[in-house]
Every structure is written in C-alpha cells, then in structure tokens.
C-alpha cells in the first residue's frame, strides 16, 4: 500500500464512507438446531485462482461449496449503497458452538468481524420448543499512538460507535446533526493525530542521518504543538503522511532537510508506513447478516424484519467501543402437545360418561 492509499484508508475510517469488501451472510436455523449458511460476495475474473473463486473470501473455505451465480443478487446496505453480489459460499453446520470460520491474518482484527463466537440452543417445552441464537463479536482494540479518549468522551464514543434505536437525549434531527458533526470533527482529528504521530516517529528516527539530530528531540517534545501548528502548511487537507509532514516541516522550520530526508529514505518510509497503517485496512470490511429462526421470534436485540427473520450489520466502527452481542429467541408450536393434552383431558371424561351410561 503506497502512501496515497494509506491515507485514503485513514480518510475512509474518519468519514465513514462505504466499505470496500462487503459480505451478505444469510443463515437459517432448522428445527433440529442445525444451521445452513450462505455468504454472498462480489468477484470478477481477477479473483479466480486455479479455476476457483475461493480467494474472494478472506477466511478458510475448506468445507464450503463456492459457486458463481448466473445472475447477481442485489443487496442494500445501511449506508444507502447497493451491492450486486455474484458469488455464493454455502455449507451446513450440525452443531453451532464457537467460531465457525478462521479469518485471514493479512488484515489485523478481521476475525473480530468475520468470526464471532456463535451458539444455538434448543430447549423443549411441552407446548413450545424454544431456540436461542447468540453471536459475540469481540471488541477491536487497535494499538494506535494516540488514545481516542483524548478527543472523544465516553458518551461521545457510545453515540458514535454503538447501535442506538432512539435519539440521544431526546434531540430532534437538527440537534442530532449538529452533535454528530461535532463528534465527527473530533473523530477526524483523532485519525489525523494518529497519522501525524506515526510520521513524527519516522522522521525522528531518520533525523540523525540527514539533519544531524537537529530536530529529533524537538519534534518529539513538541508533538502536540506541531500538530496544531502545521495544518495550514499541508499541501492537502488531512494528509499527514510522512512526505506531506516533511514538506510542512520545511516551511515551519525554514529548512530543506526534511524534504531531503524523505527523498533519501522514501523506499524505507513507504515500507514502514505500509506496516504501521495496515491497521486501518479493517475499516474496509463489512458484513450484513440475515438470520432465519424456527417459528416466531419473540425476543431480539437487533432489527426484526419478519416474524422469523432478523438483520444486523457488523463493521470495525461498531466494535471500537465494546463487544457486540446479538441475541435472538424464537419458539415453535408443538401442535401434537395440544392434541395429547386435549386427549388426556377428554379421555377420562369420556370414560366416566361411558361408565355412567352403562350403569343406567
């Protein structure tokens, strides 16, 4: 990933635009407690490896049946975008208790989105059989140089990252817009500060070879001051890549050594940035889930779209503040139990009535 792509990933994280890799997961739990699952994705011929479409999925596909569909399935996402998905991976699970897939290690924290801990429990009652589905998505805790608490309060983090079904503090639309715009500005500043801190560390490390240690101590000690002082010196807004910061430092310190530092070490810097910014790649992945439960859903902490169907979304933003737990409960009617119960209640009465008739 080159610098411009690295920064683009950061901007994507900051502005919450649409995801790059989108999966739609459609699951159906049967009455025996087993589950069938289909995962839809988008692919073209460049995604095919050795005549297979496996590479479009960033998890171990052993045991999955993967097919290219004749016509694309179209799905709308929470951000208003519509995706045409043309590859389907499917398989059945007899028992659900744990992580069902193993995600690729190429993207940090990808397993948090793709591989929740899932359980399905079936409990027999006389008139009803009860089913409980639970999925636990583990919180993403990125090791970034600036803590998010420096910019967002706990309340603001909750509003920005967590799901909520009603407006905070009973605000109207205009008030919500103003509040969210303020939070987004702080969130963007956090991302920019993280990028700046990474660039600062690179420059400080390389300063000794180019600038004879003139600035390394100074820029480490005055990091926050410099972050607030150089925005107007950047060639592009929100571009805190090492190259951009070096050019800004030349103007700020009235020197040319930082540009020389970058020119002489650009290959090393690009590799370092690629490693450091890889953590932002998780912002490009999103899953939408549809779960079909046996019978009728009577309890849910996600959106119920039909009597037996629920939907929810999972991405990096929803996992930055807390674990995300999805719980669905449904029940099926045991019609035979009503018949048996009725028979148990009626047969003695019939027998007693028959006995009385004989006695007459």
Protein backbone atom coordinates (compact mmCIF):
# COMPACT_ATOMS: atom_id res chain seq x y z
CA UNK A 1 0.00 0.00 0.00
CA UNK A 2 1.53 3.28 -1.10
CA UNK A 3 1.21 6.49 0.88
CA UNK A 4 -1.78 7.86 -1.04
CA UNK A 5 -3.67 4.59 -0.46
CA UNK A 6 -2.68 4.52 3.19
CA UNK A 7 -4.07 7.99 3.72
CA UNK A 8 -7.20 7.08 1.76
CA UNK A 9 -7.78 4.22 4.22
CA UNK A 10 -7.50 6.66 7.10
CA UNK A 11 -9.93 9.06 5.48
CA UNK A 12 -12.37 6.20 4.92
CA UNK A 13 -12.19 5.39 8.60
CA UNK A 14 -12.68 9.03 9.52
CA UNK A 15 -15.63 9.82 7.24
CA UNK A 16 -17.48 6.50 7.45
CA UNK A 17 -17.97 6.09 3.72
CA UNK A 18 -18.94 2.79 2.14
CA UNK A 19 -16.90 -0.32 2.64
CA UNK A 20 -14.61 -1.88 0.05
CA UNK A 21 -15.31 -5.54 0.83
CA UNK A 22 -18.90 -6.40 1.59
CA UNK A 23 -20.38 -9.77 2.53
CA UNK A 24 -24.05 -10.63 2.97
CA UNK A 25 -24.47 -13.59 5.32
CA UNK A 26 -27.78 -15.44 5.09
CA UNK A 27 -28.32 -18.12 7.75
CA UNK A 28 -31.23 -20.45 8.52
CA UNK A 29 -31.59 -22.43 11.74
CA UNK A 30 -33.61 -25.63 11.37
CA UNK A 31 -35.93 -27.14 13.96
CA UNK A 32 -33.32 -29.75 14.87
CA UNK A 33 -30.87 -26.97 15.86
CA UNK A 34 -28.62 -27.30 12.80
CA UNK A 35 -27.85 -24.32 10.57
CA UNK A 36 -27.33 -23.69 6.87
CA UNK A 37 -25.35 -20.61 5.85
CA UNK A 38 -24.79 -18.75 2.59
CA UNK A 39 -22.25 -15.95 2.23
CA UNK A 40 -22.61 -13.73 -0.82
CA UNK A 41 -19.73 -11.66 -2.23
CA UNK A 42 -18.73 -9.78 -5.35
CA UNK A 43 -15.99 -11.04 -7.65
CA UNK A 44 -14.69 -10.86 -11.20
CA UNK A 45 -12.27 -12.98 -13.20
CA UNK A 46 -9.24 -11.44 -11.46
CA UNK A 47 -10.41 -13.03 -8.19
CA UNK A 48 -10.28 -16.54 -9.61
CA UNK A 49 -7.25 -18.62 -8.60
CA UNK A 50 -6.62 -22.04 -10.16
CA UNK A 51 -10.12 -22.04 -11.61
CA UNK A 52 -11.75 -21.37 -8.21
CA UNK A 53 -13.45 -18.40 -6.60
CA UNK A 54 -12.14 -19.14 -3.09
CA UNK A 55 -9.86 -16.10 -2.99
CA UNK A 56 -12.80 -13.67 -2.82
CA UNK A 57 -13.41 -14.88 0.74
CA UNK A 58 -10.90 -13.87 3.41
CA UNK A 59 -11.45 -16.94 5.55
CA UNK A 60 -10.61 -20.63 5.32
CA UNK A 61 -13.07 -22.01 2.75
CA UNK A 62 -12.43 -25.70 3.41
CA UNK A 63 -15.80 -27.44 3.66
CA UNK A 64 -17.60 -24.66 1.80
CA UNK A 65 -19.23 -25.02 -1.63
CA UNK A 66 -18.43 -21.91 -3.70
CA UNK A 67 -20.30 -21.10 -6.90
CA UNK A 68 -20.51 -18.19 -9.32
CA UNK A 69 -24.18 -17.28 -9.71
CA UNK A 70 -25.76 -16.84 -13.14
CA UNK A 71 -27.43 -13.59 -12.08
CA UNK A 72 -26.25 -11.25 -9.35
CA UNK A 73 -28.19 -10.86 -6.11
CA UNK A 74 -28.68 -7.22 -5.13
CA UNK A 75 -28.48 -6.08 -1.53
CA UNK A 76 -28.81 -2.64 0.03
CA UNK A 77 -26.60 -1.70 2.97
CA UNK A 78 -27.11 0.55 5.98
CA UNK A 79 -25.16 3.35 4.25
CA UNK A 80 -27.63 3.53 1.36
CA UNK A 81 -25.39 1.78 -1.17
CA UNK A 82 -26.50 -1.21 -3.20
CA UNK A 83 -24.21 -4.14 -3.94
CA UNK A 84 -24.50 -6.70 -6.73
CA UNK A 85 -23.17 -9.95 -5.30
CA UNK A 86 -22.43 -12.75 -7.72
CA UNK A 87 -20.53 -15.43 -5.75
CA UNK A 88 -22.05 -17.65 -3.09
CA UNK A 89 -20.31 -19.80 -0.48
CA UNK A 90 -22.57 -22.28 1.32
CA UNK A 91 -22.34 -25.03 3.89
CA UNK A 92 -24.28 -26.72 6.70
CA UNK A 93 -23.43 -26.98 10.38
CA UNK A 94 -24.81 -29.75 12.56
CA UNK A 95 -23.85 -28.08 15.83
CA UNK A 96 -23.14 -24.42 16.47
CA UNK A 97 -20.92 -23.71 19.44
CA UNK A 98 -17.90 -21.48 18.78
CA UNK A 99 -16.22 -19.76 15.84
CA UNK A 100 -17.39 -21.18 12.51
CA UNK A 101 -14.62 -19.75 10.31
CA UNK A 102 -10.95 -18.87 10.59
CA UNK A 103 -10.23 -15.43 9.12
CA UNK A 104 -7.10 -14.42 7.23
CA UNK A 105 -4.28 -12.82 9.22
CA UNK A 106 -3.48 -10.43 6.35
CA UNK A 107 -5.81 -7.80 7.82
CA UNK A 108 -5.49 -7.04 11.56
CA UNK A 109 -8.69 -7.70 13.53
CA UNK A 110 -10.53 -9.19 10.54
CA UNK A 111 -11.50 -12.19 12.67
CA UNK A 112 -13.39 -9.85 15.02
CA UNK A 113 -15.81 -9.10 12.16
CA UNK A 114 -15.90 -12.40 10.27
CA UNK A 115 -15.65 -14.93 13.09
CA UNK A 116 -17.87 -14.25 16.10
CA UNK A 117 -18.46 -16.91 18.74
CA UNK A 118 -21.85 -18.37 17.84
CA UNK A 119 -24.15 -20.72 19.74
CA UNK A 120 -27.56 -22.22 19.06
CA UNK A 121 -29.50 -23.72 21.96
CA UNK A 122 -32.71 -25.72 21.67
CA UNK A 123 -34.95 -26.23 24.70
CA UNK A 124 -38.03 -28.40 24.70
CA UNK A 125 -41.18 -27.18 26.41
CA UNK A 126 -44.47 -29.02 26.43
CA UNK A 127 -46.43 -26.67 24.20
CA UNK A 128 -43.46 -24.89 22.61
CA UNK A 129 -39.87 -25.63 21.61
CA UNK A 130 -37.57 -22.68 22.28
CA UNK A 131 -34.49 -21.64 20.28
CA UNK A 132 -31.79 -19.16 21.25
CA UNK A 133 -29.14 -17.87 18.85
CA UNK A 134 -26.23 -15.84 20.20
CA UNK A 135 -23.27 -14.26 18.41
CA UNK A 136 -20.49 -12.41 20.25
CA UNK A 137 -18.24 -10.10 18.21
CA UNK A 138 -15.11 -9.16 20.13
CA UNK A 139 -14.15 -5.52 20.56
CA UNK A 140 -11.38 -4.22 18.31
CA UNK A 141 -8.57 -2.65 20.32
CA UNK A 142 -6.11 -1.11 17.85
CA UNK A 143 -2.66 -0.19 19.10
CA UNK A 144 -2.63 3.39 17.85
CA UNK A 145 -0.23 6.08 19.09
CA UNK A 146 -3.00 8.42 20.28
CA UNK A 147 -5.81 7.19 22.58
CA UNK A 148 -9.27 8.02 21.29
CA UNK A 149 -10.20 9.29 24.76
CA UNK A 150 -8.02 12.32 24.04
CA UNK A 151 -10.68 13.52 21.60
CA UNK A 152 -13.98 11.75 22.36
CA UNK A 153 -15.61 11.38 25.76
CA UNK A 154 -17.08 8.01 26.73
CA UNK A 155 -20.55 9.34 25.95
CA UNK A 156 -19.41 10.57 22.52
CA UNK A 157 -17.78 7.22 21.77
CA UNK A 158 -21.02 5.46 22.65
CA UNK A 159 -23.05 7.75 20.38
CA UNK A 160 -20.54 7.47 17.51
CA UNK A 161 -19.82 3.73 17.56
CA UNK A 162 -22.66 1.88 19.28
CA UNK A 163 -26.04 0.94 17.82
CA UNK A 164 -28.95 3.00 19.15
CA UNK A 165 -32.61 2.95 18.27
CA UNK A 166 -33.60 6.36 19.59
CA UNK A 167 -32.08 9.81 19.52
CA UNK A 168 -29.68 10.56 22.40
CA UNK A 169 -31.05 12.99 24.99
CA UNK A 170 -34.34 13.22 23.04
CA UNK A 171 -32.81 15.57 20.46
CA UNK A 172 -34.52 16.45 17.18
CA UNK A 173 -32.96 15.99 13.73
CA UNK A 174 -31.26 19.38 13.59
CA UNK A 175 -29.78 18.94 17.07
CA UNK A 176 -28.57 15.44 16.21
CA UNK A 177 -26.93 16.78 13.03
CA UNK A 178 -25.04 19.46 14.95
CA UNK A 179 -24.00 16.99 17.67
CA UNK A 180 -22.84 14.37 15.16
CA UNK A 181 -20.94 16.92 13.06
CA UNK A 182 -19.06 18.00 16.18
CA UNK A 183 -18.23 14.39 17.07
CA UNK A 184 -17.13 13.63 13.51
CA UNK A 185 -14.78 16.59 13.55
CA UNK A 186 -13.18 15.28 16.75
CA UNK A 187 -13.02 11.76 15.32
CA UNK A 188 -11.29 13.04 12.18
CA UNK A 189 -8.82 14.95 14.34
CA UNK A 190 -8.05 11.73 16.22
CA UNK A 191 -7.31 9.87 12.98
CA UNK A 192 -5.16 12.75 11.73
CA UNK A 193 -3.27 12.88 15.02
CA UNK A 194 -2.58 9.13 14.81
CA UNK A 195 -1.21 9.55 11.28
CA UNK A 196 0.84 12.54 12.35
CA UNK A 197 2.30 10.67 15.33
CA UNK A 198 3.38 7.79 13.06
CA UNK A 199 5.03 10.22 10.63
CA UNK A 200 6.68 12.01 13.54
CA UNK A 201 8.24 8.79 14.80
CA UNK A 202 9.61 8.00 11.33
CA UNK A 203 11.08 11.49 10.93
CA UNK A 204 12.64 11.43 14.40
CA UNK A 205 14.26 8.06 13.70
CA UNK A 206 15.74 9.25 10.39
CA UNK A 207 16.71 12.75 11.56
CA UNK A 208 20.12 11.61 12.79
CA UNK A 209 21.23 10.55 9.30
CA UNK A 210 20.11 13.67 7.42
CA UNK A 211 19.53 16.57 9.80
CA UNK A 212 22.33 15.68 12.24
CA UNK A 213 19.88 15.33 15.16
CA UNK A 214 18.94 18.99 14.94
CA UNK A 215 15.23 18.36 15.24
CA UNK A 216 14.58 14.83 16.56
CA UNK A 217 14.38 15.80 20.23
CA UNK A 218 12.44 18.97 19.47
CA UNK A 219 9.72 17.33 17.38
CA UNK A 220 9.20 14.56 19.94
CA UNK A 221 8.86 17.04 22.79
CA UNK A 222 6.58 19.42 20.87
CA UNK A 223 4.47 16.85 19.02
CA UNK A 224 1.09 18.25 20.07
CA UNK A 225 2.16 21.83 19.40
CA UNK A 226 3.43 20.92 15.94
CA UNK A 227 0.23 19.02 15.14
CA UNK A 228 -1.78 22.16 15.89
CA UNK A 229 0.70 24.45 14.07
CA UNK A 230 1.16 22.82 10.66
CA UNK A 231 -2.35 22.15 9.21
CA UNK A 232 -2.22 25.36 7.11
CA UNK A 233 1.19 24.26 5.79
CA UNK A 234 -0.03 20.92 4.43
CA UNK A 235 -0.38 20.67 0.66
CA UNK A 236 -3.57 18.60 1.06
CA UNK A 237 -6.03 18.81 3.95
CA UNK A 238 -5.94 15.77 6.27
CA UNK A 239 -2.81 14.41 4.55
CA UNK A 240 -0.44 13.64 7.41
CA UNK A 241 1.73 11.19 5.51
CA UNK A 242 5.47 11.39 6.16
CA UNK A 243 6.08 13.07 2.80
CA UNK A 244 3.44 15.72 3.46
CA UNK A 245 4.64 16.36 7.01
CA UNK A 246 8.25 16.67 5.83
CA UNK A 247 7.24 19.38 3.35
CA UNK A 248 5.26 21.18 6.05
CA UNK A 249 8.21 20.98 8.48
CA UNK A 250 10.49 22.55 5.85
CA UNK A 251 8.18 25.57 5.81
CA UNK A 252 7.71 25.61 9.59
CA UNK A 253 11.43 25.33 10.49
CA UNK A 254 12.61 27.25 7.40
CA UNK A 255 14.89 24.49 6.18
CA UNK A 256 15.08 21.93 3.40
CA UNK A 257 16.47 18.99 5.36
CA UNK A 258 13.11 17.28 5.88
CA UNK A 259 12.38 17.06 2.17
CA UNK A 260 15.88 15.67 1.67
CA UNK A 261 15.23 13.22 4.49
CA UNK A 262 12.17 11.91 2.67
CA UNK A 263 13.82 11.82 -0.76
CA UNK A 264 16.80 9.85 0.51
CA UNK A 265 14.67 7.37 2.50
CA UNK A 266 11.38 7.17 0.59
CA UNK A 267 11.61 3.40 -0.02
CA UNK A 268 12.22 2.70 3.67
CA UNK A 269 9.49 5.15 4.67
CA UNK A 270 6.92 3.60 2.31
CA UNK A 271 7.56 0.15 3.78
CA UNK A 272 7.37 1.48 7.33
CA UNK A 273 4.13 3.30 6.59
CA UNK A 274 2.67 0.23 4.91
CA UNK A 275 3.30 -1.75 8.09
CA UNK A 276 2.08 0.94 10.50
CA UNK A 277 -1.04 1.85 8.54
CA UNK A 278 -2.11 -1.72 7.88
CA UNK A 279 -4.29 -1.50 10.97
CA UNK A 280 -6.58 0.93 9.09
CA UNK A 281 -7.41 -1.75 6.48
CA UNK A 282 -10.06 -3.18 8.80
CA UNK A 283 -12.18 -0.10 8.00
CA UNK A 284 -12.80 -1.53 4.52
CA UNK A 285 -14.70 -4.65 5.62
CA UNK A 286 -18.37 -5.04 6.41
CA UNK A 287 -20.85 -7.87 6.90
CA UNK A 288 -24.62 -7.71 6.82
CA UNK A 289 -26.39 -10.65 8.47
CA UNK A 290 -29.84 -12.09 7.87
CA UNK A 291 -30.93 -14.82 10.29
CA UNK A 292 -33.98 -17.03 9.76
CA UNK A 293 -35.15 -18.59 13.04
CA UNK A 294 -37.51 -21.56 13.53
CA UNK A 295 -41.06 -20.46 14.30
CA UNK A 296 -41.62 -16.91 15.50
CA UNK A 297 -39.07 -14.53 17.04
CA UNK A 298 -40.32 -13.27 20.40
CA UNK A 299 -37.15 -11.56 21.67
CA UNK A 300 -34.35 -9.78 19.82
CA UNK A 301 -31.78 -7.02 20.35
CA UNK A 302 -31.45 -6.38 16.58
CA UNK A 303 -33.94 -5.44 13.85
CA UNK A 304 -36.76 -7.93 13.21
CA UNK A 305 -37.79 -7.73 9.54
CA UNK A 306 -40.34 -10.57 9.56
CA UNK A 307 -41.92 -12.85 12.14
CA UNK A 308 -38.98 -15.25 11.88
CA UNK A 309 -36.25 -13.06 10.37
CA UNK A 310 -33.77 -10.55 11.83
CA UNK A 311 -30.94 -8.42 10.41
CA UNK A 312 -27.84 -6.67 11.73
CA UNK A 313 -24.61 -5.08 10.49
CA UNK A 314 -21.05 -5.59 11.67
CA UNK A 315 -18.02 -3.44 10.83
CA UNK A 316 -14.97 -2.01 12.58
CA UNK A 317 -16.80 1.09 13.84
CA UNK A 318 -19.38 -0.94 15.77
CA UNK A 319 -16.60 -2.85 17.53
CA UNK A 320 -14.30 0.00 18.53
CA UNK A 321 -16.16 0.80 21.73
CA UNK A 322 -17.50 -2.54 23.02
CA UNK A 323 -18.13 -6.16 22.21
CA UNK A 324 -21.26 -6.59 20.11
CA UNK A 325 -23.64 -9.34 21.20
CA UNK A 326 -26.59 -10.44 19.09
CA UNK A 327 -29.32 -12.49 20.81
CA UNK A 328 -32.37 -13.91 19.04
CA UNK A 329 -35.05 -16.05 20.68
CA UNK A 330 -37.84 -17.85 18.86
CA UNK A 331 -40.35 -20.59 19.53
CA UNK A 332 -42.25 -23.18 17.51
CA UNK A 333 -45.63 -24.59 18.45
CA UNK A 334 -45.76 -28.29 19.33
CA UNK A 335 -49.19 -29.00 17.86
CA UNK A 336 -49.03 -32.63 18.92
CA UNK A 337 -48.71 -31.48 22.56
CA UNK A 338 -52.03 -29.66 22.33
CA UNK A 339 -53.64 -32.78 20.85
CA UNK A 340 -52.15 -35.04 23.51
CA UNK A 341 -53.14 -32.60 26.28
CA UNK A 342 -56.66 -32.38 24.92
CA UNK A 343 -56.82 -36.14 24.71
CA UNK A 344 -55.57 -36.51 28.29
CA UNK A 345 -58.25 -34.09 29.47
CA UNK A 346 -61.09 -35.55 27.40
CA UNK A 347 -60.48 -39.31 27.58
CA UNK A 348 -61.17 -39.62 31.37
CA UNK A 349 -64.34 -37.57 30.93
CA UNK A 350 -65.43 -39.83 28.04
CA UNK A 351 -64.67 -42.96 30.05
CA UNK A 352 -66.58 -41.68 33.07
CA UNK A 353 -69.54 -40.74 30.91
CA UNK A 354 -69.47 -44.18 29.26
CA UNK A 355 -69.37 -45.89 32.62
CA UNK A 356 -72.38 -43.87 33.84
CA UNK A 357 -74.32 -44.79 30.72
CA UNK A 358 -73.63 -48.50 31.32
CA UNK A 359 -74.78 -48.24 34.93
CA UNK A 360 -78.10 -46.85 33.76
